[in-house]
Structure formats: C-alpha cells, structure tokens
Amino acid sequence: MLKKLKEKDARELIISILSKAVAPLTTQVVEDMVQGQGKQCPDSAVRFLAKMRYKGMIKGKLSREHRGWVWWVEKKGDK
C-alpha cells in the first residue's frame, strides 16, 4: 500500500528527485521513483507536476521525443 503524501512533502520529494537528475525526467519516471519509495502524490502525478510548474517550482515541457511531458529543476547558472 502506497502512502499518500501531503502536498508539502510531495513537493519536497519531487524537487529532490528532479534536482539529482542529470537530464529532464518523464512523468512516468518521476511517478515510478516516488512509488519506488512507497509513496504517492496527493493528485495524479501529471496533475501534481503541472501545478508545481504553474507555481514556478519546477520546469516542464512537452517532448515529442518522449511522447509526453518532461520535468526538471532549473539549477543555478541555467537559463
């Protein structure tokens, strides 16, 4: 059984996952990494990630190559 995270905890976990990634991650990879820790986002992964992007916490864009959204955290020095 997966533990449903509170919004604040889910945000922190996703930012941590994306900060450690060397390249943008697909929605499915982010969701798999969260679930791999026995946890789940308060909403569906894509909806929760989209909310975080809308609030400026993470970056995201549609990728033809990956046939869906990819997500990342802008690191210092990136633009």
Protein backbone atom coordinates (compact mmCIF):
# COMPACT_ATOMS: atom_id res chain seq x y z
CA MET A 1 0.00 0.00 0.00
CA LEU A 2 1.40 3.39 -1.00
CA LYS A 3 1.44 6.24 1.49
CA LYS A 4 -0.33 9.31 0.09
CA LEU A 5 1.89 12.31 0.78
CA LYS A 6 0.76 15.71 1.97
CA GLU A 7 1.33 18.44 -0.65
CA LYS A 8 4.38 19.93 1.10
CA ASP A 9 6.07 16.53 1.46
CA ALA A 10 5.28 15.60 -2.15
CA ARG A 11 6.73 18.91 -3.41
CA GLU A 12 9.92 18.39 -1.42
CA LEU A 13 10.32 14.81 -2.67
CA ILE A 14 9.76 15.76 -6.32
CA ILE A 15 12.16 18.70 -6.13
CA SER A 16 14.74 16.39 -4.55
CA ILE A 17 14.28 13.78 -7.31
CA LEU A 18 14.49 16.36 -10.11
CA SER A 19 17.47 18.15 -8.52
CA LYS A 20 19.50 14.93 -8.57
CA ALA A 21 18.60 14.06 -12.16
CA VAL A 22 21.21 14.75 -14.84
CA ALA A 23 18.53 15.25 -17.52
CA PRO A 24 14.81 16.04 -17.57
CA LEU A 25 12.63 13.14 -16.40
CA THR A 26 9.36 11.96 -17.89
CA THR A 27 6.19 11.97 -15.84
CA GLN A 28 6.30 8.17 -15.71
CA VAL A 29 9.88 8.11 -14.39
CA VAL A 30 9.05 10.66 -11.68
CA GLU A 31 5.96 8.70 -10.69
CA ASP A 32 7.94 5.43 -10.62
CA MET A 33 10.63 6.99 -8.42
CA VAL A 34 8.04 8.33 -5.96
CA GLN A 35 6.22 4.99 -5.86
CA GLY A 36 9.54 3.19 -5.51
CA GLN A 37 9.79 4.86 -2.12
CA GLY A 38 6.35 3.53 -1.19
CA LYS A 39 4.71 6.93 -1.63
CA GLN A 40 2.30 8.68 -3.97
CA CYS A 41 1.40 12.28 -4.83
CA PRO A 42 -1.85 13.80 -3.49
CA ASP A 43 -3.19 14.04 -7.09
CA SER A 44 -2.26 12.12 -10.21
CA ALA A 45 1.42 12.63 -10.94
CA VAL A 46 0.88 14.66 -14.11
CA ARG A 47 -1.64 16.95 -12.39
CA PHE A 48 0.62 17.48 -9.37
CA LEU A 49 3.67 18.17 -11.56
CA ALA A 50 1.64 20.60 -13.68
CA LYS A 51 0.58 22.50 -10.55
CA MET A 52 4.20 22.73 -9.44
CA ARG A 53 5.19 24.03 -12.90
CA TYR A 54 2.39 26.60 -12.84
CA LYS A 55 3.64 27.85 -9.45
CA GLY A 56 7.20 28.15 -10.83
CA MET A 57 8.66 25.46 -8.58
CA ILE A 58 9.80 23.21 -11.44
CA LYS A 59 10.13 23.43 -15.21
CA GLY A 60 8.32 21.25 -17.72
CA LYS A 61 7.59 20.97 -21.42
CA LEU A 62 6.02 18.63 -23.92
CA SER A 63 8.60 16.40 -25.57
CA ARG A 64 7.95 14.79 -28.94
CA GLU A 65 10.91 12.51 -28.36
CA HIS A 66 9.45 11.17 -25.10
CA ARG A 67 5.83 11.46 -26.28
CA GLY A 68 4.76 13.34 -23.16
CA TRP A 69 5.90 15.81 -20.58
CA VAL A 70 9.45 16.05 -19.21
CA TRP A 71 10.29 17.82 -15.97
CA TRP A 72 13.37 19.40 -14.38
CA VAL A 73 14.56 21.88 -11.77
CA GLU A 74 16.46 24.88 -13.04
CA LYS A 75 19.86 24.76 -11.41
CA LYS A 76 21.86 27.87 -10.58
CA GLY A 77 23.52 29.17 -13.72
CA ASP A 78 20.92 27.57 -16.03
CA LYS A 79 18.54 29.69 -18.10
